[in-house]
Amino acid sequence: MQHKLRPLLFFYVPISLALLVYTIYRASSLSLTIDEAYTFLHYVPMRFMDIISNNIVTNTVVSANNHILNTLLVKLFTCLFGTSELVLRLPSLIGHVIYLIASYLVIKKIKSPVIALLGFMLLNFNPFLLDFFSLSRGYALAAAFTFMSANFTLDFFSTKSMKAIILSLLFASLAVISNFSSLIYYVGVIMVFSFNWLIDYKVKKLSGKDLWKYLSIVLFTIALFFFLYEPIRRLIAFKTLNFGGNTGFWVDTVDSLIMFTFFGMPFGSLIIAGQVFVAAIIICSLAWVVSGLIRKKMQGERQIHLITFLLLMLPCFISVTQHILIHTKFMQDRMGLFLIPLFVVNLLFLADTFSISPLRKWIGISMLGILAITFVYHTINTENNTYTLLWWYDAQSKDVIKDMETYHAISNKDINLGVNDFYSPSCTYYKMRKNLTWLTITNMTYAAQNCDYYYMLPWDDDEVNKKPRIIITQYETSKAYLVK
């Protein structure tokens, strides 16, 4: 094993540090987006227990914007280190560190060193994932904790240790507290452990130590239920669980993840190719699992592949089932971010267990090599420190406030800046952070009045061109307008 780990570490450490430097740089330079600023302005100031219970009411409406663990960590870090963009995004950067560690722990379990190296690139060179590791949202933490939980789940089936099952459940619980969408992963992990318990119960007499392992599942689930009951109850009562799709799991979840992984690039037919590839891998994984079960060859690497397949597919089936039974919406784009590493891990162990002959090994490594090179090139090609994919229109709110400071320095007069509802949180954040007492932020969505300047959305052509308004500038990245 050591002969494989040494070159793996030589590859892993510098690449991990380079990726971490990239996300840190973006976290310090990107303009704060609407959802990040909304969290800071409305939730971070609340009391500890109010954040946990989601007892946060703005205009009598409870919002799903409160990603509890992220909010609590932002509250802690801003008390200690101030309110810069980098400080607000520290929780997601910690999530990136956890994700990188989980990547190494998982690829160590792969038999082929080449597949392990290629797998590390596939797990980490994804621009959509990297985007969220630089943002103050709970999605990055949820993806990181889910991935770490999956690692310890695999450890459990190798060692059968109580420590592994406890760590798996702990990280799965942290994923749920980071973002409620990963609750379906937690349920999937419980089902995997329950299946194993039923098998153990039938084939052998369980010892007291074995019973303690499975009792920990019950204890974690009860604790998580009591933690989640009030915040989820309030979200349901105020009917704020309204983000997502109703078309279908494949269209709403899978297609959106494929599309955003391409990071807004006009690839067209390649998106269709991505859909075909994902479907093919799932079908091949299912066929490989079924053949192993029929031939009763589910030991070693093939058992690990079975677990990775279940960890990927059970959350998908749970999502579909709850949509049918209680009409919840399907996850879209960022909500399903945690599914990306689960899919890649299943692909890697499929390739690893499939490589039982030189020809099969060559096919698997060639396919993964092409994918890895493609994703590394794509990630490097889309790297930027100016915008985020989902909130591109909010890329230059920081620049707008800098322009207001310039105009104030020239005129030495108070300024009233009219903004759309989309821009109000980020502009208010920069006004508060810089203590600009001479600047008034007027939300034009709720109060139409004359202002000195107007910061307008790129698609608000009718408002921008109203007479006698004059366009001062259209910002290059966000395409937003500053109008006088």
Protein backbone atom coordinates (compact mmCIF):
# COMPACT_ATOMS: atom_id res chain seq x y z
CA MET A 1 0.00 0.00 0.00
CA GLN A 2 2.82 2.42 0.82
CA HIS A 3 4.25 2.17 -2.71
CA LYS A 4 0.94 3.56 -3.99
CA LEU A 5 0.42 6.23 -1.32
CA ARG A 6 3.76 8.00 -1.75
CA PRO A 7 3.28 9.08 -5.42
CA LEU A 8 -0.39 9.75 -4.63
CA LEU A 9 0.62 12.21 -1.90
CA PHE A 10 3.19 13.90 -4.16
CA PHE A 11 0.37 14.50 -6.64
CA TYR A 12 -2.38 15.23 -4.12
CA VAL A 13 -0.72 17.86 -1.92
CA PRO A 14 0.38 20.47 -4.52
CA ILE A 15 -2.84 20.14 -6.54
CA SER A 16 -4.94 20.48 -3.38
CA LEU A 17 -3.01 23.55 -2.28
CA ALA A 18 -3.40 25.12 -5.74
CA LEU A 19 -7.16 24.54 -5.73
CA LEU A 20 -7.45 25.90 -2.20
CA VAL A 21 -5.46 29.03 -3.12
CA TYR A 22 -7.85 29.54 -6.04
CA THR A 23 -11.01 29.34 -3.91
CA ILE A 24 -9.46 31.56 -1.20
CA TYR A 25 -8.56 34.17 -3.81
CA ARG A 26 -12.07 34.11 -5.24
CA ALA A 27 -13.61 34.29 -1.77
CA SER A 28 -11.62 37.44 -1.03
CA SER A 29 -12.26 39.17 -4.35
CA LEU A 30 -15.77 38.27 -5.55
CA SER A 31 -18.48 40.82 -4.89
CA LEU A 32 -20.91 39.56 -2.24
CA THR A 33 -24.06 38.16 -3.86
CA ILE A 34 -27.70 38.65 -2.94
CA ASP A 35 -28.15 35.39 -0.98
CA GLU A 36 -24.89 35.81 0.92
CA ALA A 37 -25.68 39.39 1.86
CA TYR A 38 -29.26 38.47 2.82
CA THR A 39 -27.94 35.85 5.24
CA PHE A 40 -25.53 38.33 6.80
CA LEU A 41 -28.07 41.15 7.13
CA HIS A 42 -31.11 39.22 8.33
CA TYR A 43 -29.95 36.01 10.01
CA VAL A 44 -26.48 36.50 11.42
CA PRO A 45 -27.63 39.24 13.87
CA MET A 46 -30.26 36.90 15.39
CA ARG A 47 -29.79 34.96 18.61
CA PHE A 48 -28.23 31.50 18.56
CA MET A 49 -31.46 29.61 19.28
CA ASP A 50 -33.47 31.72 16.83
CA ILE A 51 -31.04 30.78 14.05
CA ILE A 52 -31.31 27.08 14.92
CA SER A 53 -35.11 27.10 15.17
CA ASN A 54 -35.49 29.26 12.05
CA ASN A 55 -37.37 31.77 14.17
CA ILE A 56 -36.44 34.49 11.72
CA VAL A 57 -39.28 36.55 10.32
CA THR A 58 -38.84 39.27 7.71
CA ASN A 59 -42.05 40.93 6.59
CA THR A 60 -43.90 38.02 8.32
CA VAL A 61 -42.26 35.49 5.96
CA VAL A 62 -39.79 32.80 7.03
CA SER A 63 -37.16 32.24 4.34
CA ALA A 64 -35.31 29.07 3.35
CA ASN A 65 -32.19 31.23 2.91
CA ASN A 66 -31.07 30.31 6.43
CA HIS A 67 -28.57 27.46 6.02
CA ILE A 68 -28.21 26.87 9.73
CA LEU A 69 -24.62 25.66 10.15
CA ASN A 70 -23.28 28.20 7.66
CA THR A 71 -25.19 31.00 9.42
CA LEU A 72 -23.86 29.99 12.83
CA LEU A 73 -20.28 29.80 11.57
CA VAL A 74 -20.58 33.18 9.84
CA LYS A 75 -21.89 34.63 13.10
CA LEU A 76 -18.89 33.20 14.97
CA PHE A 77 -16.26 34.27 12.43
CA THR A 78 -17.61 37.80 11.98
CA CYS A 79 -17.53 38.28 15.75
CA LEU A 80 -13.87 37.20 15.77
CA PHE A 81 -12.45 38.54 12.52
CA GLY A 82 -14.71 41.26 11.11
CA THR A 83 -17.13 41.38 8.21
CA SER A 84 -15.03 41.15 5.04
CA GLU A 85 -16.12 38.93 2.14
CA LEU A 86 -13.35 36.46 3.00
CA VAL A 87 -14.53 36.12 6.61
CA LEU A 88 -18.15 35.57 5.55
CA ARG A 89 -16.97 32.82 3.21
CA LEU A 90 -14.66 31.04 5.67
CA PRO A 91 -17.21 28.24 6.37
CA SER A 92 -17.26 27.24 2.70
CA LEU A 93 -13.46 27.40 2.53
CA ILE A 94 -13.36 25.04 5.52
CA GLY A 95 -15.79 22.89 3.56
CA HIS A 96 -13.31 22.86 0.68
CA VAL A 97 -10.54 21.63 3.00
CA ILE A 98 -12.83 18.85 4.28
CA TYR A 99 -13.76 17.93 0.70
CA LEU A 100 -10.10 17.72 -0.32
CA ILE A 101 -9.30 15.49 2.65
CA ALA A 102 -12.29 13.27 1.85
CA SER A 103 -11.07 13.03 -1.76
CA TYR A 104 -7.74 11.64 -0.61
CA LEU A 105 -9.31 9.23 1.87
CA VAL A 106 -11.64 7.84 -0.79
CA ILE A 107 -9.14 7.48 -3.63
CA LYS A 108 -6.76 5.64 -1.25
CA LYS A 109 -9.32 2.81 -1.33
CA ILE A 110 -8.98 2.40 -5.11
CA LYS A 111 -6.83 -0.54 -6.15
CA SER A 112 -5.37 1.01 -9.31
CA PRO A 113 -2.97 3.94 -8.69
CA VAL A 114 -3.72 5.36 -12.14
CA ILE A 115 -7.49 5.32 -11.56
CA ALA A 116 -6.88 6.89 -8.14
CA LEU A 117 -4.92 9.79 -9.68
CA LEU A 118 -7.47 10.33 -12.44
CA GLY A 119 -10.24 10.06 -9.89
CA PHE A 120 -8.77 12.82 -7.78
CA MET A 121 -8.86 15.14 -10.80
CA LEU A 122 -12.46 14.21 -11.62
CA LEU A 123 -13.54 14.78 -8.04
CA ASN A 124 -11.92 18.19 -7.73
CA PHE A 125 -11.79 19.83 -11.14
CA ASN A 126 -15.43 20.81 -11.38
CA PRO A 127 -16.08 24.56 -11.82
CA PHE A 128 -19.60 24.37 -10.37
CA LEU A 129 -18.31 22.80 -7.15
CA LEU A 130 -15.39 25.21 -6.93
CA ASP A 131 -17.80 28.12 -7.42
CA PHE A 132 -19.64 27.26 -4.21
CA PHE A 133 -16.49 26.66 -2.20
CA SER A 134 -15.95 30.42 -2.61
CA LEU A 135 -19.45 31.48 -1.53
CA SER A 136 -21.10 31.96 1.84
CA ARG A 137 -23.83 29.34 1.38
CA GLY A 138 -24.50 25.97 2.98
CA TYR A 139 -24.29 23.96 -0.24
CA ALA A 140 -20.50 23.63 -0.15
CA LEU A 141 -20.52 22.42 3.45
CA ALA A 142 -23.29 19.94 2.63
CA ALA A 143 -21.31 18.51 -0.31
CA ALA A 144 -18.14 18.24 1.79
CA PHE A 145 -19.83 16.56 4.76
CA THR A 146 -21.77 14.21 2.47
CA PHE A 147 -18.54 13.15 0.79
CA MET A 148 -16.79 12.60 4.12
CA SER A 149 -19.77 10.60 5.36
CA ALA A 150 -19.58 8.43 2.24
CA ASN A 151 -15.89 7.79 2.96
CA PHE A 152 -16.60 6.52 6.47
CA THR A 153 -19.53 4.46 5.18
CA LEU A 154 -17.09 2.67 2.89
CA ASP A 155 -14.72 2.27 5.85
CA PHE A 156 -17.48 0.62 7.86
CA PHE A 157 -17.99 -2.09 5.26
CA SER A 158 -14.26 -2.79 5.29
CA THR A 159 -13.69 -2.71 9.04
CA LYS A 160 -17.18 -3.12 10.60
CA SER A 161 -15.99 -0.72 13.31
CA MET A 162 -18.32 1.34 15.47
CA LYS A 163 -16.07 4.36 14.97
CA ALA A 164 -16.71 4.29 11.21
CA ILE A 165 -20.49 4.12 11.56
CA ILE A 166 -20.52 6.95 14.12
CA LEU A 167 -18.34 9.19 11.94
CA SER A 168 -20.46 8.42 8.90
CA LEU A 169 -23.65 9.42 10.73
CA LEU A 170 -21.99 12.46 12.30
CA PHE A 171 -20.91 13.88 8.94
CA ALA A 172 -24.25 12.98 7.36
CA SER A 173 -26.01 14.90 10.16
CA LEU A 174 -23.71 17.90 9.65
CA ALA A 175 -24.57 17.80 5.94
CA VAL A 176 -28.28 18.02 6.76
CA ILE A 177 -27.74 20.93 9.16
CA SER A 178 -25.70 22.65 6.43
CA ASN A 179 -28.51 22.31 3.90
CA PHE A 180 -31.80 20.45 4.27
CA SER A 181 -31.67 19.08 0.70
CA SER A 182 -29.04 16.54 1.86
CA LEU A 183 -31.62 14.96 4.20
CA ILE A 184 -32.31 12.45 1.43
CA TYR A 185 -28.66 11.39 1.59
CA TYR A 186 -28.96 10.85 5.36
CA VAL A 187 -32.01 8.64 4.82
CA GLY A 188 -30.09 6.74 2.13
CA VAL A 189 -27.19 6.07 4.53
CA ILE A 190 -29.64 4.83 7.17
CA MET A 191 -31.13 2.46 4.61
CA VAL A 192 -27.66 1.12 3.67
CA PHE A 193 -26.81 0.43 7.32
CA SER A 194 -30.26 -1.09 7.88
CA PHE A 195 -29.83 -3.46 4.94
CA ASN A 196 -26.49 -4.55 6.38
CA TRP A 197 -28.08 -5.08 9.81
CA LEU A 198 -30.79 -7.33 8.29
CA ILE A 199 -28.16 -9.39 6.47
CA ASP A 200 -26.06 -9.72 9.64
CA TYR A 201 -29.16 -10.66 11.63
CA LYS A 202 -30.02 -13.47 9.22
CA VAL A 203 -26.58 -14.97 8.72
CA LYS A 204 -25.09 -14.69 12.20
CA LYS A 205 -25.95 -14.14 15.81
CA LEU A 206 -25.35 -10.48 16.64
CA SER A 207 -23.19 -9.69 19.66
CA GLY A 208 -23.79 -6.89 22.12
CA LYS A 209 -21.12 -4.83 20.35
CA ASP A 210 -22.96 -5.28 17.04
CA LEU A 211 -26.21 -4.11 18.61
CA TRP A 212 -24.49 -0.98 19.95
CA LYS A 213 -23.37 -0.15 16.40
CA TYR A 214 -26.90 -0.15 15.12
CA LEU A 215 -28.32 1.51 18.21
CA SER A 216 -26.14 4.52 17.29
CA ILE A 217 -28.24 4.86 14.12
CA VAL A 218 -31.38 5.23 16.22
CA LEU A 219 -29.75 7.72 18.58
CA PHE A 220 -28.40 9.91 15.77
CA THR A 221 -31.76 9.86 13.98
CA ILE A 222 -33.71 10.82 17.10
CA ALA A 223 -31.28 13.66 17.84
CA LEU A 224 -31.47 14.91 14.26
CA PHE A 225 -35.27 14.72 14.31
CA PHE A 226 -35.51 16.95 17.37
CA PHE A 227 -32.98 19.37 15.89
CA LEU A 228 -34.79 19.62 12.54
CA TYR A 229 -38.40 19.54 13.69
CA GLU A 230 -38.90 23.24 14.45
CA PRO A 231 -36.97 24.82 11.54
CA ILE A 232 -38.59 22.51 8.98
CA ARG A 233 -42.03 22.93 10.58
CA ARG A 234 -41.72 26.69 10.21
CA LEU A 235 -40.58 26.41 6.59
CA ILE A 236 -43.59 24.23 5.81
CA ALA A 237 -46.00 26.46 7.76
CA PHE A 238 -44.84 29.56 5.88
CA LYS A 239 -44.81 27.65 2.54
CA THR A 240 -41.25 28.66 1.72
CA LEU A 241 -40.02 25.28 0.42
CA ASN A 242 -40.85 26.46 -3.08
CA PHE A 243 -37.51 26.26 -4.87
CA GLY A 244 -37.10 23.36 -7.24
CA GLY A 245 -38.84 21.79 -10.21
CA ASN A 246 -41.91 19.70 -10.96
CA THR A 247 -40.94 18.30 -14.35
CA GLY A 248 -39.03 15.23 -13.20
CA PHE A 249 -35.89 14.13 -11.41
CA TRP A 250 -33.90 13.65 -14.60
CA VAL A 251 -34.77 17.04 -16.09
CA ASP A 252 -34.78 19.10 -12.90
CA THR A 253 -31.87 17.53 -11.03
CA VAL A 254 -29.62 15.60 -13.40
CA ASP A 255 -29.92 17.92 -16.40
CA SER A 256 -29.40 21.04 -14.29
CA LEU A 257 -26.24 19.59 -12.68
CA ILE A 258 -24.84 18.65 -16.09
CA MET A 259 -25.68 22.06 -17.56
CA PHE A 260 -24.15 24.03 -14.68
CA THR A 261 -21.08 21.80 -14.61
CA PHE A 262 -20.44 23.15 -18.11
CA PHE A 263 -20.51 26.53 -16.35
CA GLY A 264 -22.61 28.45 -18.82
CA MET A 265 -20.45 27.62 -21.82
CA PRO A 266 -22.45 27.11 -25.05
CA PHE A 267 -21.63 23.45 -25.52
CA GLY A 268 -25.07 22.42 -26.83
CA SER A 269 -24.57 18.90 -28.12
CA LEU A 270 -21.98 18.19 -25.41
CA ILE A 271 -24.71 18.64 -22.80
CA ILE A 272 -26.67 15.91 -24.57
CA ALA A 273 -23.50 13.80 -24.59
CA GLY A 274 -23.22 14.40 -20.84
CA GLN A 275 -26.76 13.16 -20.33
CA VAL A 276 -26.05 10.03 -22.37
CA PHE A 277 -22.83 9.44 -20.41
CA VAL A 278 -24.53 9.73 -17.00
CA ALA A 279 -27.32 7.37 -18.10
CA ALA A 280 -24.78 4.88 -19.50
CA ILE A 281 -22.74 4.84 -16.27
CA ILE A 282 -25.85 4.26 -14.16
CA ILE A 283 -26.98 1.41 -16.43
CA CYS A 284 -23.50 -0.16 -16.45
CA SER A 285 -23.26 0.15 -12.66
CA LEU A 286 -26.65 -1.49 -12.23
CA ALA A 287 -25.73 -4.32 -14.62
CA TRP A 288 -22.40 -4.86 -12.84
CA VAL A 289 -24.10 -4.96 -9.42
CA VAL A 290 -26.81 -7.36 -10.59
CA SER A 291 -24.27 -9.68 -12.21
CA GLY A 292 -22.24 -9.72 -9.00
CA LEU A 293 -25.31 -10.53 -6.90
CA ILE A 294 -26.41 -13.32 -9.26
CA ARG A 295 -22.93 -14.85 -9.31
CA LYS A 296 -22.54 -14.21 -5.58
CA LYS A 297 -19.33 -12.23 -6.10
CA MET A 298 -19.80 -9.31 -3.78
CA GLN A 299 -16.57 -9.36 -1.84
CA GLY A 300 -13.77 -6.81 -1.70
CA GLU A 301 -13.85 -4.09 -4.37
CA ARG A 302 -17.19 -5.25 -5.80
CA GLN A 303 -18.84 -4.83 -2.41
CA ILE A 304 -17.41 -1.31 -2.17
CA HIS A 305 -18.81 -0.55 -5.64
CA LEU A 306 -22.20 -1.83 -4.51
CA ILE A 307 -22.15 0.58 -1.56
CA THR A 308 -21.12 3.54 -3.75
CA PHE A 309 -23.97 2.67 -6.14
CA LEU A 310 -26.49 2.57 -3.28
CA LEU A 311 -25.19 5.84 -1.80
CA LEU A 312 -25.80 7.48 -5.19
CA MET A 313 -29.08 5.88 -6.19
CA LEU A 314 -30.98 5.74 -2.89
CA PRO A 315 -31.14 9.56 -2.50
CA CYS A 316 -32.38 9.75 -6.10
CA PHE A 317 -35.16 7.23 -5.44
CA ILE A 318 -36.04 8.96 -2.17
CA SER A 319 -36.33 12.29 -4.01
CA VAL A 320 -38.71 10.76 -6.57
CA THR A 321 -40.70 8.94 -3.88
CA GLN A 322 -41.25 12.01 -1.71
CA HIS A 323 -42.32 13.98 -4.79
CA ILE A 324 -44.95 11.34 -5.53
CA LEU A 325 -46.16 10.98 -1.94
CA ILE A 326 -45.96 14.50 -0.50
CA HIS A 327 -45.43 16.59 -3.65
CA THR A 328 -42.05 18.03 -2.71
CA LYS A 329 -40.19 19.65 -5.57
CA PHE A 330 -37.21 18.07 -7.29
CA MET A 331 -33.79 19.49 -6.49
CA GLN A 332 -32.35 21.90 -9.02
CA ASP A 333 -28.72 22.91 -9.67
CA ARG A 334 -27.07 23.87 -6.33
CA MET A 335 -29.48 21.83 -4.21
CA GLY A 336 -28.15 18.63 -5.75
CA LEU A 337 -24.48 19.64 -5.54
CA PHE A 338 -23.72 16.77 -3.12
CA LEU A 339 -24.70 14.24 -5.81
CA ILE A 340 -21.68 15.16 -7.96
CA PRO A 341 -18.98 13.50 -5.80
CA LEU A 342 -21.28 10.52 -5.18
CA PHE A 343 -21.61 9.99 -8.94
CA VAL A 344 -17.86 10.33 -9.54
CA VAL A 345 -17.01 7.89 -6.71
CA ASN A 346 -19.42 5.32 -8.16
CA LEU A 347 -17.79 5.77 -11.57
CA LEU A 348 -14.29 5.30 -10.12
CA PHE A 349 -15.09 2.09 -8.26
CA LEU A 350 -16.96 0.77 -11.29
CA ALA A 351 -13.82 1.30 -13.37
CA ASP A 352 -11.62 -0.18 -10.63
CA THR A 353 -13.65 -3.37 -10.17
CA PHE A 354 -14.24 -3.73 -13.93
CA SER A 355 -10.47 -3.76 -14.62
CA ILE A 356 -10.02 -7.51 -14.16
CA SER A 357 -8.23 -8.01 -17.48
CA PRO A 358 -5.61 -5.93 -19.36
CA LEU A 359 -8.16 -4.97 -22.04
CA ARG A 360 -10.82 -3.90 -19.55
CA LYS A 361 -8.23 -2.01 -17.54
CA TRP A 362 -7.05 -0.17 -20.66
CA ILE A 363 -10.64 0.73 -21.60
CA GLY A 364 -11.45 2.02 -18.11
CA ILE A 365 -8.26 4.05 -17.73
CA SER A 366 -8.56 5.51 -21.24
CA MET A 367 -12.13 6.65 -20.61
CA LEU A 368 -11.25 8.18 -17.22
CA GLY A 369 -8.12 9.79 -18.70
CA ILE A 370 -10.11 11.54 -21.43
CA LEU A 371 -12.67 12.70 -18.86
CA ALA A 372 -10.04 13.93 -16.42
CA ILE A 373 -8.13 15.89 -19.07
CA THR A 374 -11.39 17.38 -20.33
CA PHE A 375 -12.48 18.50 -16.86
CA VAL A 376 -9.07 19.94 -15.95
CA TYR A 377 -9.00 21.91 -19.20
CA HIS A 378 -12.62 23.02 -18.74
CA THR A 379 -12.03 24.16 -15.15
CA ILE A 380 -8.90 26.11 -16.08
CA ASN A 381 -10.72 27.62 -19.05
CA THR A 382 -13.62 28.83 -16.90
CA GLU A 383 -11.60 30.05 -13.91
CA ASN A 384 -12.36 33.63 -12.89
CA ASN A 385 -12.39 35.94 -9.90
CA THR A 386 -15.12 38.27 -11.15
CA TYR A 387 -18.45 36.44 -11.09
CA THR A 388 -20.39 33.42 -9.84
CA LEU A 389 -22.43 31.34 -12.25
CA LEU A 390 -25.87 31.61 -10.62
CA TRP A 391 -25.54 35.23 -9.49
CA TRP A 392 -23.58 36.70 -12.43
CA TYR A 393 -25.87 39.77 -12.47
CA ASP A 394 -24.62 40.67 -8.96
CA ALA A 395 -20.94 40.55 -9.92
CA GLN A 396 -20.26 44.28 -9.62
CA SER A 397 -22.25 45.60 -6.68
CA LYS A 398 -18.92 46.28 -4.98
CA ASP A 399 -17.89 48.38 -8.00
CA VAL A 400 -21.12 50.37 -7.86
CA ILE A 401 -20.47 51.35 -4.25
CA LYS A 402 -16.90 52.32 -5.18
CA ASP A 403 -18.35 54.58 -7.89
CA MET A 404 -20.68 56.14 -5.33
CA GLU A 405 -17.66 56.87 -3.14
CA THR A 406 -15.96 58.57 -6.08
CA TYR A 407 -19.01 60.73 -6.84
CA HIS A 408 -19.39 61.64 -3.18
CA ALA A 409 -15.74 62.68 -3.00
CA ILE A 410 -16.29 65.00 -5.99
CA SER A 411 -19.59 66.56 -4.88
CA ASN A 412 -19.30 66.17 -1.08
CA LYS A 413 -23.08 65.65 -1.02
CA ASP A 414 -25.28 62.87 0.34
CA ILE A 415 -26.27 60.33 -2.30
CA ASN A 416 -29.50 58.34 -2.65
CA LEU A 417 -28.95 55.18 -4.71
CA GLY A 418 -32.06 53.48 -6.09
CA VAL A 419 -31.72 49.73 -6.51
CA ASN A 420 -33.80 46.74 -7.54
CA ASP A 421 -34.71 44.11 -4.94
CA PHE A 422 -31.96 41.87 -6.38
CA TYR A 423 -29.30 44.46 -5.57
CA SER A 424 -30.55 45.76 -2.26
CA PRO A 425 -28.85 43.18 0.05
CA SER A 426 -25.36 43.40 -1.48
CA CYS A 427 -25.40 47.21 -1.71
CA THR A 428 -26.67 47.47 1.86
CA TYR A 429 -23.88 45.14 3.00
CA TYR A 430 -21.18 47.34 1.44
CA LYS A 431 -22.78 50.49 2.84
CA MET A 432 -22.75 48.97 6.34
CA ARG A 433 -19.28 47.48 6.06
CA LYS A 434 -17.74 50.77 4.91
CA ASN A 435 -19.92 52.84 7.26
CA LEU A 436 -21.07 55.15 4.47
CA THR A 437 -23.44 57.34 6.47
CA TRP A 438 -23.89 59.71 3.53
CA LEU A 439 -25.26 56.93 1.28
CA THR A 440 -28.94 55.93 1.27
CA ILE A 441 -29.95 52.65 -0.40
CA THR A 442 -33.54 52.89 -1.63
CA ASN A 443 -35.22 49.65 -2.72
CA MET A 444 -37.23 50.77 -5.74
CA THR A 445 -39.22 47.53 -5.72
CA TYR A 446 -41.13 48.76 -2.67
CA ALA A 447 -40.74 52.54 -2.83
CA ALA A 448 -40.77 54.40 -6.13
CA GLN A 449 -39.09 57.76 -5.65
CA ASN A 450 -36.56 60.04 -7.24
CA CYS A 451 -32.95 59.10 -6.49
CA ASP A 452 -29.61 60.57 -7.45
CA TYR A 453 -28.49 57.35 -9.14
CA TYR A 454 -30.12 54.05 -10.11
CA TYR A 455 -28.42 50.63 -10.15
CA MET A 456 -30.48 48.54 -12.59
CA LEU A 457 -30.63 44.96 -13.76
CA PRO A 458 -29.26 44.08 -17.22
CA TRP A 459 -32.71 43.00 -18.42
CA ASP A 460 -34.51 46.16 -17.17
CA ASP A 461 -34.30 47.96 -20.53
CA ASP A 462 -37.67 49.69 -20.17
CA GLU A 463 -36.72 51.23 -16.83
CA VAL A 464 -33.19 52.09 -17.92
CA ASN A 465 -34.37 53.98 -20.99
CA LYS A 466 -37.10 56.01 -19.26
CA LYS A 467 -36.76 59.71 -20.00
CA PRO A 468 -35.01 61.83 -18.79
CA ARG A 469 -32.64 59.19 -17.36
CA ILE A 470 -29.09 59.05 -18.67
CA ILE A 471 -26.99 55.87 -18.73
CA ILE A 472 -23.69 56.57 -17.00
CA THR A 473 -22.19 53.12 -17.55
CA GLN A 474 -23.02 49.51 -18.26
CA TYR A 475 -20.75 47.28 -16.21
CA GLU A 476 -18.71 44.84 -18.25
CA THR A 477 -19.19 41.59 -16.33
CA SER A 478 -22.69 41.88 -14.87
CA LYS A 479 -24.13 43.95 -17.74
CA ALA A 480 -25.96 45.95 -15.05
CA TYR A 481 -26.59 49.66 -15.56
CA LEU A 482 -25.76 52.71 -13.52
CA VAL A 483 -28.22 55.43 -14.45
CA LYS A 484 -28.59 59.05 -13.38
